[in-house]
Amino acid sequence: MPILTAGNTVYPWGVAKVLISIPDQLLRRLDEAAGRAGETRSGFVQRIAEREIAEGNLRLRKELEDLFEPLPPAGGESGRWMREDRRHRDDKRFGPAADGR
């Protein structure tokens, strides 16, 4: 059910009305850009904010991916690596295996 506010303006649930401070010249430019795009001021700001957030998330993901080396292919090798690691630990604890592995 819509929320009625002063002046009988109707706002749907889940939509906040916010008051922000923007320099007059920037507001004029924003309104001009919204008009050229055929959007309302609110719609324009929402679209730009969504795009900026999405691009920021992509940048963060790339930074994280760059921090980590790609994993080696595991095509059957993971079992062998686990066995070698187990033997290595056992060798440290019990000495070399009797069968020479």
PDB file of N, CA and C in Angstrom:
ATOM      1  N   MET A   1       0.848  -1.176   0.000  1.00  0.00           N
ATOM      2  CA  MET A   1       0.000   0.000   0.000  1.00  0.00           C
ATOM      3  C   MET A   1       0.888   1.232   0.000  1.00  0.00           C
ATOM      4  N   PRO A   2       0.612   2.233  -0.844  1.00  0.00           N
ATOM      5  CA  PRO A   2       1.457   3.427  -0.900  1.00  0.00           C
ATOM      6  C   PRO A   2       1.371   4.236   0.393  1.00  0.00           C
ATOM      7  N   ILE A   3       2.415   4.985   0.649  1.00  0.00           N
ATOM      8  CA  ILE A   3       2.470   5.867   1.813  1.00  0.00           C
ATOM      9  C   ILE A   3       2.047   7.258   1.367  1.00  0.00           C
ATOM     10  N   LEU A   4       1.107   7.843   2.035  1.00  0.00           N
ATOM     11  CA  LEU A   4       0.708   9.216   1.730  1.00  0.00           C
ATOM     12  C   LEU A   4       1.554  10.165   2.562  1.00  0.00           C
ATOM     13  N   THR A   5       2.042  11.200   1.922  1.00  0.00           N
ATOM     14  CA  THR A   5       2.860  12.189   2.616  1.00  0.00           C
ATOM     15  C   THR A   5       2.212  13.548   2.434  1.00  0.00           C
ATOM     16  N   ALA A   6       2.783  14.548   3.034  1.00  0.00           N
ATOM     17  CA  ALA A   6       2.248  15.904   2.912  1.00  0.00           C
ATOM     18  C   ALA A   6       2.108  16.280   1.444  1.00  0.00           C
ATOM     19  N   GLY A   7       1.013  16.896   1.083  1.00  0.00           N
ATOM     20  CA  GLY A   7       0.785  17.286  -0.304  1.00  0.00           C
ATOM     21  C   GLY A   7       0.201  16.163  -1.130  1.00  0.00           C
ATOM     22  N   ASN A   8      -0.178  15.051  -0.484  1.00  0.00           N
ATOM     23  CA  ASN A   8      -0.780  13.909  -1.172  1.00  0.00           C
ATOM     24  C   ASN A   8       0.119  13.265  -2.216  1.00  0.00           C
ATOM     25  N   THR A   9       1.426  13.445  -2.083  1.00  0.00           N
ATOM     26  CA  THR A   9       2.359  12.750  -2.962  1.00  0.00           C
ATOM     27  C   THR A   9       2.432  11.297  -2.510  1.00  0.00           C
ATOM     28  N   VAL A  10       2.367  10.378  -3.435  1.00  0.00           N
ATOM     29  CA  VAL A  10       2.368   8.967  -3.091  1.00  0.00           C
ATOM     30  C   VAL A  10       3.742   8.368  -3.373  1.00  0.00           C
ATOM     31  N   TYR A  11       4.311   7.688  -2.359  1.00  0.00           N
ATOM     32  CA  TYR A  11       5.592   6.993  -2.500  1.00  0.00           C
ATOM     33  C   TYR A  11       5.359   5.519  -2.223  1.00  0.00           C
ATOM     34  N   PRO A  12       5.819   4.651  -3.082  1.00  0.00           N
ATOM     35  CA  PRO A  12       5.637   3.210  -2.829  1.00  0.00           C
ATOM     36  C   PRO A  12       6.529   2.749  -1.680  1.00  0.00           C
ATOM     37  N   TRP A  13       6.150   1.627  -1.054  1.00  0.00           N
ATOM     38  CA  TRP A  13       6.980   1.027  -0.022  1.00  0.00           C
ATOM     39  C   TRP A  13       8.333   0.660  -0.627  1.00  0.00           C
ATOM     40  N   GLY A  14       9.380   0.716   0.176  1.00  0.00           N
ATOM     41  CA  GLY A  14      10.703   0.322  -0.292  1.00  0.00           C
ATOM     42  C   GLY A  14      11.425   1.393  -1.085  1.00  0.00           C
ATOM     43  N   VAL A  15      10.853   2.598  -1.115  1.00  0.00           N
ATOM     44  CA  VAL A  15      11.504   3.706  -1.812  1.00  0.00           C
ATOM     45  C   VAL A  15      11.660   4.842  -0.805  1.00  0.00           C
ATOM     46  N   ALA A  16      12.919   5.212  -0.537  1.00  0.00           N
ATOM     47  CA  ALA A  16      13.191   6.283   0.416  1.00  0.00           C
ATOM     48  C   ALA A  16      13.245   7.618  -0.313  1.00  0.00           C
ATOM     49  N   LYS A  17      12.735   8.623   0.330  1.00  0.00           N
ATOM     50  CA  LYS A  17      12.890   9.981  -0.180  1.00  0.00           C
ATOM     51  C   LYS A  17      14.006  10.599   0.648  1.00  0.00           C
ATOM     52  N   VAL A  18      15.043  11.085  -0.012  1.00  0.00           N
ATOM     53  CA  VAL A  18      16.208  11.595   0.705  1.00  0.00           C
ATOM     54  C   VAL A  18      16.460  13.052   0.342  1.00  0.00           C
ATOM     55  N   LEU A  19      17.073  13.736   1.267  1.00  0.00           N
ATOM     56  CA  LEU A  19      17.473  15.119   1.052  1.00  0.00           C
ATOM     57  C   LEU A  19      18.992  15.125   0.986  1.00  0.00           C
ATOM     58  N   ILE A  20      19.552  15.548  -0.142  1.00  0.00           N
ATOM     59  CA  ILE A  20      21.004  15.611  -0.277  1.00  0.00           C
ATOM     60  C   ILE A  20      21.396  17.026  -0.682  1.00  0.00           C
ATOM     61  N   SER A  21      22.617  17.364  -0.424  1.00  0.00           N
ATOM     62  CA  SER A  21      23.139  18.677  -0.782  1.00  0.00           C
ATOM     63  C   SER A  21      23.995  18.559  -2.030  1.00  0.00           C
ATOM     64  N   ILE A  22      23.670  19.366  -3.037  1.00  0.00           N
ATOM     65  CA  ILE A  22      24.410  19.390  -4.296  1.00  0.00           C
ATOM     66  C   ILE A  22      24.589  20.853  -4.686  1.00  0.00           C
ATOM     67  N   PRO A  23      25.785  21.246  -5.074  1.00  0.00           N
ATOM     68  CA  PRO A  23      25.977  22.626  -5.530  1.00  0.00           C
ATOM     69  C   PRO A  23      25.029  22.946  -6.697  1.00  0.00           C
ATOM     70  N   ASP A  24      24.554  24.182  -6.742  1.00  0.00           N
ATOM     71  CA  ASP A  24      23.572  24.593  -7.756  1.00  0.00           C
ATOM     72  C   ASP A  24      24.023  24.281  -9.177  1.00  0.00           C
ATOM     73  N   GLN A  25      25.282  24.563  -9.490  1.00  0.00           N
ATOM     74  CA  GLN A  25      25.757  24.333 -10.851  1.00  0.00           C
ATOM     75  C   GLN A  25      25.738  22.847 -11.194  1.00  0.00           C
ATOM     76  N   LEU A  26      26.124  22.003 -10.250  1.00  0.00           N
ATOM     77  CA  LEU A  26      26.089  20.555 -10.496  1.00  0.00           C
ATOM     78  C   LEU A  26      24.647  20.092 -10.664  1.00  0.00           C
ATOM     79  N   LEU A  27      23.728  20.634  -9.886  1.00  0.00           N
ATOM     80  CA  LEU A  27      22.321  20.262 -10.020  1.00  0.00           C
ATOM     81  C   LEU A  27      21.786  20.641 -11.399  1.00  0.00           C
ATOM     82  N   ARG A  28      22.168  21.800 -11.890  1.00  0.00           N
ATOM     83  CA  ARG A  28      21.751  22.207 -13.247  1.00  0.00           C
ATOM     84  C   ARG A  28      22.290  21.227 -14.293  1.00  0.00           C
ATOM     85  N   ARG A  29      23.551  20.877 -14.157  1.00  0.00           N
ATOM     86  CA  ARG A  29      24.151  19.933 -15.103  1.00  0.00           C
ATOM     87  C   ARG A  29      23.489  18.565 -15.007  1.00  0.00           C
ATOM     88  N   LEU A  30      23.180  18.143 -13.788  1.00  0.00           N
ATOM     89  CA  LEU A  30      22.504  16.873 -13.584  1.00  0.00           C
ATOM     90  C   LEU A  30      21.128  16.879 -14.256  1.00  0.00           C
ATOM     91  N   ASP A  31      20.376  17.950 -14.048  1.00  0.00           N
ATOM     92  CA  ASP A  31      19.053  18.057 -14.671  1.00  0.00           C
ATOM     93  C   ASP A  31      19.143  18.081 -16.193  1.00  0.00           C
ATOM     94  N   GLU A  32      20.137  18.769 -16.725  1.00  0.00           N
ATOM     95  CA  GLU A  32      20.322  18.794 -18.182  1.00  0.00           C
ATOM     96  C   GLU A  32      20.639  17.392 -18.711  1.00  0.00           C
ATOM     97  N   ALA A  33      21.537  16.690 -18.030  1.00  0.00           N
ATOM     98  CA  ALA A  33      21.906  15.342 -18.467  1.00  0.00           C
ATOM     99  C   ALA A  33      20.711  14.403 -18.370  1.00  0.00           C
ATOM    100  N   ALA A  34      19.938  14.514 -17.308  1.00  0.00           N
ATOM    101  CA  ALA A  34      18.744  13.676 -17.160  1.00  0.00           C
ATOM    102  C   ALA A  34      17.752  13.975 -18.279  1.00  0.00           C
ATOM    103  N   GLY A  35      17.580  15.242 -18.603  1.00  0.00           N
ATOM    104  CA  GLY A  35      16.669  15.630 -19.688  1.00  0.00           C
ATOM    105  C   GLY A  35      17.123  15.071 -21.026  1.00  0.00           C
ATOM    106  N   ARG A  36      18.430  15.157 -21.303  1.00  0.00           N
ATOM    107  CA  ARG A  36      18.935  14.608 -22.566  1.00  0.00           C
ATOM    108  C   ARG A  36      18.712  13.102 -22.645  1.00  0.00           C
ATOM    109  N   ALA A  37      18.780  12.437 -21.485  1.00  0.00           N
ATOM    110  CA  ALA A  37      18.585  10.988 -21.451  1.00  0.00           C
ATOM    111  C   ALA A  37      17.099  10.622 -21.391  1.00  0.00           C
ATOM    112  N   GLY A  38      16.241  11.628 -21.288  1.00  0.00           N
ATOM    113  CA  GLY A  38      14.808  11.370 -21.213  1.00  0.00           C
ATOM    114  C   GLY A  38      14.396  10.757 -19.877  1.00  0.00           C
ATOM    115  N   GLU A  39      15.124  11.102 -18.825  1.00  0.00           N
ATOM    116  CA  GLU A  39      14.861  10.534 -17.509  1.00  0.00           C
ATOM    117  C   GLU A  39      14.514  11.635 -16.518  1.00  0.00           C
ATOM    118  N   THR A  40      13.897  11.226 -15.421  1.00  0.00           N
ATOM    119  CA  THR A  40      13.705  12.157 -14.313  1.00  0.00           C
ATOM    120  C   THR A  40      15.030  12.295 -13.582  1.00  0.00           C
ATOM    121  N   ARG A  41      15.114  13.310 -12.762  1.00  0.00           N
ATOM    122  CA  ARG A  41      16.320  13.497 -11.953  1.00  0.00           C
ATOM    123  C   ARG A  41      16.566  12.256 -11.095  1.00  0.00           C
ATOM    124  N   SER A  42      15.518  11.781 -10.426  1.00  0.00           N
ATOM    125  CA  SER A  42      15.656  10.607  -9.563  1.00  0.00           C
ATOM    126  C   SER A  42      16.091   9.380 -10.350  1.00  0.00           C
ATOM    127  N   GLY A  43      15.451   9.156 -11.484  1.00  0.00           N
ATOM    128  CA  GLY A  43      15.804   8.001 -12.303  1.00  0.00           C
ATOM    129  C   GLY A  43      17.240   8.060 -12.781  1.00  0.00           C
ATOM    130  N   PHE A  44      17.666   9.251 -13.182  1.00  0.00           N
ATOM    131  CA  PHE A  44      19.036   9.441 -13.659  1.00  0.00           C
ATOM    132  C   PHE A  44      20.038   9.149 -12.546  1.00  0.00           C
ATOM    133  N   VAL A  45      19.800   9.711 -11.358  1.00  0.00           N
ATOM    134  CA  VAL A  45      20.717   9.505 -10.234  1.00  0.00           C
ATOM    135  C   VAL A  45      20.738   8.031  -9.840  1.00  0.00           C
ATOM    136  N   GLN A  46      19.584   7.366  -9.839  1.00  0.00           N
ATOM    137  CA  GLN A  46      19.542   5.939  -9.510  1.00  0.00           C
ATOM    138  C   GLN A  46      20.371   5.123 -10.499  1.00  0.00           C
ATOM    139  N   ARG A  47      20.199   5.410 -11.784  1.00  0.00           N
ATOM    140  CA  ARG A  47      20.930   4.651 -12.815  1.00  0.00           C
ATOM    141  C   ARG A  47      22.429   4.862 -12.687  1.00  0.00           C
ATOM    142  N   ILE A  48      22.846   6.095 -12.470  1.00  0.00           N
ATOM    143  CA  ILE A  48      24.269   6.402 -12.343  1.00  0.00           C
ATOM    144  C   ILE A  48      24.844   5.755 -11.073  1.00  0.00           C
ATOM    145  N   ALA A  49      24.089   5.791  -9.980  1.00  0.00           N
ATOM    146  CA  ALA A  49      24.555   5.174  -8.736  1.00  0.00           C
ATOM    147  C   ALA A  49      24.695   3.663  -8.908  1.00  0.00           C
ATOM    148  N   GLU A  50      23.703   3.027  -9.530  1.00  0.00           N
ATOM    149  CA  GLU A  50      23.783   1.573  -9.768  1.00  0.00           C
ATOM    150  C   GLU A  50      24.993   1.231 -10.628  1.00  0.00           C
ATOM    151  N   ARG A  51      25.224   2.004 -11.679  1.00  0.00           N
ATOM    152  CA  ARG A  51      26.364   1.739 -12.562  1.00  0.00           C
ATOM    153  C   ARG A  51      27.687   1.907 -11.818  1.00  0.00           C
ATOM    154  N   GLU A  52      27.798   2.944 -11.012  1.00  0.00           N
ATOM    155  CA  GLU A  52      29.034   3.190 -10.268  1.00  0.00           C
ATOM    156  C   GLU A  52      29.298   2.065  -9.270  1.00  0.00           C
ATOM    157  N   ILE A  53      28.257   1.609  -8.593  1.00  0.00           N
ATOM    158  CA  ILE A  53      28.411   0.520  -7.632  1.00  0.00           C
ATOM    159  C   ILE A  53      28.831  -0.760  -8.349  1.00  0.00           C
ATOM    160  N   ALA A  54      28.191  -1.064  -9.477  1.00  0.00           N
ATOM    161  CA  ALA A  54      28.529  -2.273 -10.237  1.00  0.00           C
ATOM    162  C   ALA A  54      29.976  -2.210 -10.737  1.00  0.00           C
ATOM    163  N   GLU A  55      30.389  -1.061 -11.265  1.00  0.00           N
ATOM    164  CA  GLU A  55      31.756  -0.917 -11.751  1.00  0.00           C
ATOM    165  C   GLU A  55      32.755  -1.028 -10.608  1.00  0.00           C
ATOM    166  N   GLY A  56      32.406  -0.474  -9.449  1.00  0.00           N
ATOM    167  CA  GLY A  56      33.272  -0.580  -8.278  1.00  0.00           C
ATOM    168  C   GLY A  56      33.441  -2.030  -7.848  1.00  0.00           C
ATOM    169  N   ASN A  57      32.341  -2.785  -7.890  1.00  0.00           N
ATOM    170  CA  ASN A  57      32.414  -4.205  -7.544  1.00  0.00           C
ATOM    171  C   ASN A  57      33.295  -4.967  -8.518  1.00  0.00           C
ATOM    172  N   LEU A  58      33.204  -4.636  -9.802  1.00  0.00           N
ATOM    173  CA  LEU A  58      34.058  -5.299 -10.795  1.00  0.00           C
ATOM    174  C   LEU A  58      35.526  -4.979 -10.554  1.00  0.00           C
ATOM    175  N   ARG A  59      35.818  -3.713 -10.212  1.00  0.00           N
ATOM    176  CA  ARG A  59      37.204  -3.328  -9.919  1.00  0.00           C
ATOM    177  C   ARG A  59      37.734  -4.093  -8.711  1.00  0.00           C
ATOM    178  N   LEU A  60      36.915  -4.195  -7.662  1.00  0.00           N
ATOM    179  CA  LEU A  60      37.337  -4.937  -6.466  1.00  0.00           C
ATOM    180  C   LEU A  60      37.576  -6.402  -6.782  1.00  0.00           C
ATOM    181  N   ARG A  61      36.692  -6.999  -7.585  1.00  0.00           N
ATOM    182  CA  ARG A  61      36.864  -8.403  -7.949  1.00  0.00           C
ATOM    183  C   ARG A  61      38.165  -8.610  -8.710  1.00  0.00           C
ATOM    184  N   LYS A  62      38.463  -7.706  -9.656  1.00  0.00           N
ATOM    185  CA  LYS A  62      39.701  -7.816 -10.423  1.00  0.00           C
ATOM    186  C   LYS A  62      40.913  -7.688  -9.507  1.00  0.00           C
ATOM    187  N   GLU A  63      40.861  -6.750  -8.561  1.00  0.00           N
ATOM    188  CA  GLU A  63      41.972  -6.589  -7.626  1.00  0.00           C
ATOM    189  C   GLU A  63      42.191  -7.863  -6.822  1.00  0.00           C
ATOM    190  N   LEU A  64      41.105  -8.483  -6.362  1.00  0.00           N
ATOM    191  CA  LEU A  64      41.229  -9.731  -5.611  1.00  0.00           C
ATOM    192  C   LEU A  64      41.787 -10.850  -6.479  1.00  0.00           C
ATOM    193  N   GLU A  65      41.299 -10.953  -7.697  1.00  0.00           N
ATOM    194  CA  GLU A  65      41.800 -11.990  -8.601  1.00  0.00           C
ATOM    195  C   GLU A  65      43.278 -11.795  -8.891  1.00  0.00           C
ATOM    196  N   ASP A  66      43.712 -10.529  -8.996  1.00  0.00           N
ATOM    197  CA  ASP A  66      45.120 -10.250  -9.258  1.00  0.00           C
ATOM    198  C   ASP A  66      46.006 -10.608  -8.056  1.00  0.00           C
ATOM    199  N   LEU A  67      45.433 -10.590  -6.857  1.00  0.00           N
ATOM    200  CA  LEU A  67      46.204 -10.926  -5.662  1.00  0.00           C
ATOM    201  C   LEU A  67      46.513 -12.411  -5.560  1.00  0.00           C
ATOM    202  N   PHE A  68      45.647 -13.239  -6.101  1.00  0.00           N
ATOM    203  CA  PHE A  68      45.797 -14.683  -5.970  1.00  0.00           C
ATOM    204  C   PHE A  68      46.243 -15.284  -7.294  1.00  0.00           C
ATOM    205  N   GLU A  69      47.178 -16.228  -7.196  1.00  0.00           N
ATOM    206  CA  GLU A  69      47.613 -16.929  -8.398  1.00  0.00           C
ATOM    207  C   GLU A  69      46.520 -17.902  -8.816  1.00  0.00           C
ATOM    208  N   PRO A  70      46.412 -18.163 -10.098  1.00  0.00           N
ATOM    209  CA  PRO A  70      45.423 -19.165 -10.521  1.00  0.00           C
ATOM    210  C   PRO A  70      45.781 -20.535  -9.950  1.00  0.00           C
ATOM    211  N   LEU A  71      44.772 -21.301  -9.617  1.00  0.00           N
ATOM    212  CA  LEU A  71      45.007 -22.643  -9.091  1.00  0.00           C
ATOM    213  C   LEU A  71      45.487 -23.555 -10.206  1.00  0.00           C
ATOM    214  N   PRO A  72      46.382 -24.476  -9.879  1.00  0.00           N
ATOM    215  CA  PRO A  72      46.818 -25.423 -10.911  1.00  0.00           C
ATOM    216  C   PRO A  72      45.665 -26.342 -11.277  1.00  0.00           C
ATOM    217  N   PRO A  73      45.663 -26.868 -12.491  1.00  0.00           N
ATOM    218  CA  PRO A  73      44.593 -27.795 -12.874  1.00  0.00           C
ATOM    219  C   PRO A  73      44.611 -29.004 -11.960  1.00  0.00           C
ATOM    220  N   ALA A  74      43.435 -29.464 -11.577  1.00  0.00           N
ATOM    221  CA  ALA A  74      43.346 -30.564 -10.619  1.00  0.00           C
ATOM    222  C   ALA A  74      43.002 -31.872 -11.299  1.00  0.00           C
ATOM    223  N   GLY A  75      43.140 -31.964 -12.592  1.00  0.00           N
ATOM    224  CA  GLY A  75      42.741 -33.146 -13.345  1.00  0.00           C
ATOM    225  C   GLY A  75      43.424 -34.405 -12.875  1.00  0.00           C
ATOM    226  N   GLY A  76      43.022 -34.936 -11.747  1.00  0.00           N
ATOM    227  CA  GLY A  76      43.572 -36.174 -11.241  1.00  0.00           C
ATOM    228  C   GLY A  76      44.824 -35.982 -10.404  1.00  0.00           C
ATOM    229  N   GLU A  77      45.383 -34.797 -10.394  1.00  0.00           N
ATOM    230  CA  GLU A  77      46.627 -34.565  -9.670  1.00  0.00           C
ATOM    231  C   GLU A  77      46.396 -34.352  -8.183  1.00  0.00           C
ATOM    232  N   SER A  78      45.214 -33.917  -7.793  1.00  0.00           N
ATOM    233  CA  SER A  78      45.003 -33.575  -6.386  1.00  0.00           C
ATOM    234  C   SER A  78      45.195 -34.795  -5.486  1.00  0.00           C
ATOM    235  N   GLY A  79      44.726 -35.954  -5.916  1.00  0.00           N
ATOM    236  CA  GLY A  79      44.914 -37.170  -5.115  1.00  0.00           C
ATOM    237  C   GLY A  79      46.383 -37.492  -4.929  1.00  0.00           C
ATOM    238  N   ARG A  80      47.147 -37.369  -6.017  1.00  0.00           N
ATOM    239  CA  ARG A  80      48.590 -37.644  -5.931  1.00  0.00           C
ATOM    240  C   ARG A  80      49.257 -36.658  -4.974  1.00  0.00           C
ATOM    241  N   TRP A  81      48.882 -35.373  -5.051  1.00  0.00           N
ATOM    242  CA  TRP A  81      49.470 -34.367  -4.164  1.00  0.00           C
ATOM    243  C   TRP A  81      49.155 -34.680  -2.704  1.00  0.00           C
ATOM    244  N   MET A  82      47.942 -35.127  -2.459  1.00  0.00           N
ATOM    245  CA  MET A  82      47.563 -35.462  -1.081  1.00  0.00           C
ATOM    246  C   MET A  82      48.380 -36.652  -0.569  1.00  0.00           C
ATOM    247  N   ARG A  83      48.547 -37.670  -1.420  1.00  0.00           N
ATOM    248  CA  ARG A  83      49.343 -38.841  -1.010  1.00  0.00           C
ATOM    249  C   ARG A  83      50.798 -38.435  -0.738  1.00  0.00           C
ATOM    250  N   GLU A  84      51.369 -37.621  -1.616  1.00  0.00           N
ATOM    251  CA  GLU A  84      52.752 -37.178  -1.419  1.00  0.00           C
ATOM    252  C   GLU A  84      52.886 -36.385  -0.127  1.00  0.00           C
ATOM    253  N   ASP A  85      51.899 -35.523   0.137  1.00  0.00           N
ATOM    254  CA  ASP A  85      51.949 -34.730   1.356  1.00  0.00           C
ATOM    255  C   ASP A  85      51.837 -35.631   2.580  1.00  0.00           C
ATOM    256  N   ARG A  86      50.946 -36.623   2.508  1.00  0.00           N
ATOM    257  CA  ARG A  86      50.774 -37.560   3.620  1.00  0.00           C
ATOM    258  C   ARG A  86      52.072 -38.319   3.868  1.00  0.00           C
ATOM    259  N   ARG A  87      52.711 -38.821   2.784  1.00  0.00           N
ATOM    260  CA  ARG A  87      53.989 -39.545   2.923  1.00  0.00           C
ATOM    261  C   ARG A  87      55.048 -38.640   3.548  1.00  0.00           C
ATOM    262  N   HIS A  88      55.090 -37.406   3.083  1.00  0.00           N
ATOM    263  CA  HIS A  88      56.082 -36.461   3.598  1.00  0.00           C
ATOM    264  C   HIS A  88      55.898 -36.262   5.101  1.00  0.00           C
ATOM    265  N   ARG A  89      54.647 -36.087   5.537  1.00  0.00           N
ATOM    266  CA  ARG A  89      54.385 -35.917   6.970  1.00  0.00           C
ATOM    267  C   ARG A  89      54.724 -37.198   7.731  1.00  0.00           C
ATOM    268  N   ASP A  90      54.344 -38.361   7.177  1.00  0.00           N
ATOM    269  CA  ASP A  90      54.650 -39.633   7.836  1.00  0.00           C
ATOM    270  C   ASP A  90      56.151 -39.844   7.934  1.00  0.00           C
ATOM    271  N   ASP A  91      56.884 -39.496   6.863  1.00  0.00           N
ATOM    272  CA  ASP A  91      58.342 -39.645   6.892  1.00  0.00           C
ATOM    273  C   ASP A  91      58.938 -38.801   8.012  1.00  0.00           C
ATOM    274  N   LYS A  92      58.414 -37.619   8.229  1.00  0.00           N
ATOM    275  CA  LYS A  92      58.924 -36.758   9.279  1.00  0.00           C
ATOM    276  C   LYS A  92      58.655 -37.359  10.658  1.00  0.00           C
ATOM    277  N   ARG A  93      57.487 -38.007  10.800  1.00  0.00           N
ATOM    278  CA  ARG A  93      57.109 -38.565  12.104  1.00  0.00           C
ATOM    279  C   ARG A  93      57.734 -39.927  12.362  1.00  0.00           C
ATOM    280  N   PHE A  94      57.760 -40.804  11.345  1.00  0.00           N
ATOM    281  CA  PHE A  94      58.153 -42.192  11.566  1.00  0.00           C
ATOM    282  C   PHE A  94      59.418 -42.608  10.824  1.00  0.00           C
ATOM    283  N   GLY A  95      60.013 -41.724  10.072  1.00  0.00           N
ATOM    284  CA  GLY A  95      61.167 -42.088   9.262  1.00  0.00           C
ATOM    285  C   GLY A  95      60.715 -42.609   7.914  1.00  0.00           C
ATOM    286  N   PRO A  96      61.627 -42.919   6.992  1.00  0.00           N
ATOM    287  CA  PRO A  96      61.234 -43.389   5.647  1.00  0.00           C
ATOM    288  C   PRO A  96      60.391 -44.654   5.732  1.00  0.00           C
ATOM    289  N   ALA A  97      59.454 -44.772   4.823  1.00  0.00           N
ATOM    290  CA  ALA A  97      58.578 -45.949   4.775  1.00  0.00           C
ATOM    291  C   ALA A  97      59.398 -47.183   4.435  1.00  0.00           C
ATOM    292  N   ALA A  98      58.983 -48.309   4.963  1.00  0.00           N
ATOM    293  CA  ALA A  98      59.722 -49.571   4.765  1.00  0.00           C
ATOM    294  C   ALA A  98      59.778 -49.966   3.299  1.00  0.00           C
ATOM    295  N   ASP A  99      58.776 -49.586   2.526  1.00  0.00           N
ATOM    296  CA  ASP A  99      58.768 -50.014   1.121  1.00  0.00           C
ATOM    297  C   ASP A  99      59.491 -49.027   0.215  1.00  0.00           C
ATOM    298  N   GLY A 100      60.127 -47.983   0.789  1.00  0.00           N
ATOM    299  CA  GLY A 100      60.934 -47.073  -0.004  1.00  0.00           C
ATOM    300  C   GLY A 100      60.162 -45.954  -0.658  1.00  0.00           C
ATOM    301  N   ARG A 101      58.896 -45.775  -0.347  1.00  0.00           N
ATOM    302  CA  ARG A 101      58.131 -44.672  -0.943  1.00  0.00           C
ATOM    303  C   ARG A 101      58.379 -43.370  -0.283  1.00  0.00           C
TER     304      ARG A 101
END
